[in-house]
Amino acid sequence: MTLSLIVEPGEYAVVQLDPGDALPAWLPTASFWTVTRADDELSVFCRADDVPFDASHEAGWRLLRMVGPFPFDLTGILASVLTPLAAANVGILAVSTFNTDYVLVKHASLAAAIDALRTAGHTVHEAQGPLVEPHPPRVPSAQDSAPRTPHSKPVP
């Protein structure tokens, strides 16, 4: 199966919240965000710029959008993309919607991901807009009451 993918501009993050938390007030109105609630966590995927410093998160993800829509009975869509990425040792996060699928790869692995996908016969395009470098880690300011690092809890 040959697919077309678009590398969306910008940097994305995955945020981990407590399972009982309400949807965060900062939930972005950007073009892409998704929320998943499970028994053990509430996860948000969104633009890195929208994540407050004190949220437990990991930034530096790039978003690859598969050009859909795809019929629900079509099989092998994700496998056709994830298999070459796995062979290239590119770690991923995957998100599916009603119309299409998205794959997030770390910025440092983006070139390897694009190369692996093109070698597998897929077409990869850049979306309009600059393909930005990830943000450097933010330095806490006096306004940050409880500094956190990715995957950490507040410092007491």
Protein backbone atom coordinates (compact mmCIF):
# COMPACT_ATOMS: atom_id res chain seq x y z
CA MET A 1 0.00 0.00 0.00
CA THR A 2 1.44 3.35 -1.05
CA LEU A 3 0.35 6.42 0.91
CA SER A 4 0.92 10.16 0.87
CA LEU A 5 1.98 11.80 4.11
CA ILE A 6 2.36 15.45 5.03
CA VAL A 7 4.88 16.69 7.60
CA GLU A 8 2.95 19.35 9.48
CA PRO A 9 4.90 22.42 10.61
CA GLY A 10 5.68 23.00 14.24
CA GLU A 11 6.61 21.03 17.29
CA TYR A 12 4.20 18.84 19.24
CA ALA A 13 4.12 17.47 22.77
CA VAL A 14 2.46 14.69 24.68
CA VAL A 15 1.20 15.69 28.12
CA GLN A 16 0.41 13.28 30.93
CA LEU A 17 -2.18 14.30 33.51
CA ASP A 18 -3.81 12.41 36.36
CA PRO A 19 -6.68 10.13 35.30
CA GLY A 20 -9.30 12.04 37.29
CA ASP A 21 -8.26 15.49 36.06
CA ALA A 22 -10.75 17.62 34.13
CA LEU A 23 -9.81 18.69 30.64
CA PRO A 24 -7.17 21.37 31.13
CA ALA A 25 -8.19 25.00 30.81
CA TRP A 26 -5.20 25.59 28.53
CA LEU A 27 -6.43 22.99 26.04
CA PRO A 28 -5.48 24.62 22.77
CA THR A 29 -7.70 25.73 19.95
CA ALA A 30 -4.89 24.99 17.49
CA SER A 31 -5.37 22.95 14.35
CA PHE A 32 -4.38 19.68 16.05
CA TRP A 33 -4.98 18.34 19.52
CA THR A 34 -6.39 15.12 20.87
CA VAL A 35 -7.23 13.83 24.33
CA THR A 36 -7.31 10.26 25.56
CA ARG A 37 -8.58 9.27 28.98
CA ALA A 38 -7.59 5.85 30.33
CA ASP A 39 -7.85 4.26 33.76
CA ASP A 40 -4.32 5.34 34.63
CA GLU A 41 -3.88 8.68 32.86
CA LEU A 42 -5.27 11.54 30.81
CA SER A 43 -3.04 12.23 27.80
CA VAL A 44 -3.08 15.28 25.56
CA PHE A 45 -1.28 15.58 22.22
CA CYS A 46 -0.99 19.20 21.07
CA ARG A 47 1.33 21.93 19.85
CA ALA A 48 4.29 22.29 22.22
CA ASP A 49 3.72 26.06 22.44
CA ASP A 50 0.38 25.42 24.14
CA VAL A 51 1.74 23.36 27.04
CA PRO A 52 2.29 25.19 30.33
CA PHE A 53 5.72 24.72 31.85
CA ASP A 54 4.42 22.97 34.95
CA ALA A 55 2.69 20.16 33.03
CA SER A 56 4.39 16.77 32.91
CA HIS A 57 5.17 16.45 29.21
CA GLU A 58 7.61 15.48 26.52
CA ALA A 59 8.06 17.86 23.61
CA GLY A 60 10.12 17.58 20.44
CA TRP A 61 7.61 15.55 18.40
CA ARG A 62 6.88 16.16 14.72
CA LEU A 63 3.50 15.33 13.20
CA LEU A 64 3.09 13.28 10.01
CA ARG A 65 -0.47 13.30 8.63
CA MET A 66 -1.55 10.50 6.34
CA VAL A 67 -3.63 11.91 3.49
CA GLY A 68 -7.09 10.36 3.88
CA PRO A 69 -9.90 9.76 4.39
CA PHE A 70 -9.62 5.99 4.63
CA PRO A 71 -12.54 3.56 4.70
CA PHE A 72 -12.89 1.79 8.04
CA ASP A 73 -12.62 -1.64 6.39
CA LEU A 74 -9.30 -0.84 4.69
CA THR A 75 -6.60 -2.82 6.48
CA GLY A 76 -2.86 -2.31 6.75
CA ILE A 77 -2.82 1.49 6.70
CA LEU A 78 -0.78 2.00 9.85
CA ALA A 79 1.26 -1.16 9.25
CA SER A 80 2.42 0.15 5.87
CA VAL A 81 3.87 3.22 7.62
CA LEU A 82 4.95 1.76 10.94
CA THR A 83 6.81 -1.25 9.51
CA PRO A 84 9.44 0.83 7.65
CA LEU A 85 9.73 3.18 10.63
CA ALA A 86 10.35 0.24 12.97
CA ALA A 87 12.96 -1.17 10.55
CA ALA A 88 14.70 2.24 10.69
CA ASN A 89 14.55 2.26 14.53
CA VAL A 90 12.26 5.30 14.56
CA GLY A 91 10.05 5.43 17.65
CA ILE A 92 6.50 6.67 17.13
CA LEU A 93 3.25 7.74 18.73
CA ALA A 94 0.15 7.04 16.62
CA VAL A 95 -3.25 8.76 16.70
CA SER A 96 -6.26 7.79 14.62
CA THR A 97 -9.29 9.92 13.81
CA PHE A 98 -12.50 9.35 11.86
CA ASN A 99 -10.86 10.33 8.55
CA THR A 100 -7.18 9.54 8.87
CA ASP A 101 -4.18 8.56 10.95
CA TYR A 102 -1.31 10.59 12.35
CA VAL A 103 2.17 9.47 13.35
CA LEU A 104 4.39 11.52 15.63
CA VAL A 105 8.16 11.02 15.50
CA LYS A 106 10.85 12.77 17.50
CA HIS A 107 12.40 15.72 15.67
CA ALA A 108 15.84 14.08 15.84
CA SER A 109 14.40 11.08 13.91
CA LEU A 110 12.43 13.06 11.31
CA ALA A 111 15.00 12.77 8.50
CA ALA A 112 15.38 9.02 9.09
CA ALA A 113 11.59 8.65 9.15
CA ILE A 114 11.13 10.51 5.87
CA ASP A 115 13.92 8.49 4.25
CA ALA A 116 12.43 5.17 5.46
CA LEU A 117 8.94 6.12 4.27
CA ARG A 118 10.15 7.22 0.83
CA THR A 119 12.26 4.06 0.49
CA ALA A 120 9.11 2.05 1.26
CA GLY A 121 7.36 3.80 -1.66
CA HIS A 122 5.37 6.41 0.23
CA THR A 123 5.22 10.06 -0.81
CA VAL A 124 6.17 12.56 1.91
CA HIS A 125 5.50 16.28 1.50
CA GLU A 126 6.08 19.27 3.73
CA ALA A 127 3.01 21.27 4.71
CA GLN A 128 2.88 24.98 4.07
CA GLY A 129 4.85 26.91 6.63
CA PRO A 130 8.32 26.49 8.04
CA LEU A 131 9.46 23.17 9.41
CA VAL A 132 10.71 24.63 12.67
CA GLU A 133 13.41 23.34 14.95
CA PRO A 134 12.17 22.17 18.35
CA HIS A 135 12.19 24.69 21.17
CA PRO A 136 15.11 24.56 23.59
CA PRO A 137 14.06 23.58 27.12
CA ARG A 138 12.27 26.47 28.80
CA VAL A 139 14.02 28.02 31.78
CA PRO A 140 11.67 28.36 34.76
CA SER A 141 10.67 31.88 35.63
CA ALA A 142 9.53 33.38 38.92
CA GLN A 143 5.95 32.85 37.69
CA ASP A 144 6.40 29.07 37.64
CA SER A 145 5.36 27.96 41.10
CA ALA A 146 6.40 24.30 40.84
CA PRO A 147 9.02 23.61 38.18
CA ARG A 148 8.83 20.22 36.50
CA THR A 149 10.92 18.38 33.99
CA PRO A 150 9.47 16.02 31.39
CA HIS A 151 7.92 12.98 33.07
CA SER A 152 8.27 14.47 36.54
CA LYS A 153 5.91 15.54 39.24
CA PRO A 154 5.96 18.94 40.98
CA VAL A 155 8.87 19.61 43.28
CA PRO A 156 7.46 19.90 46.85
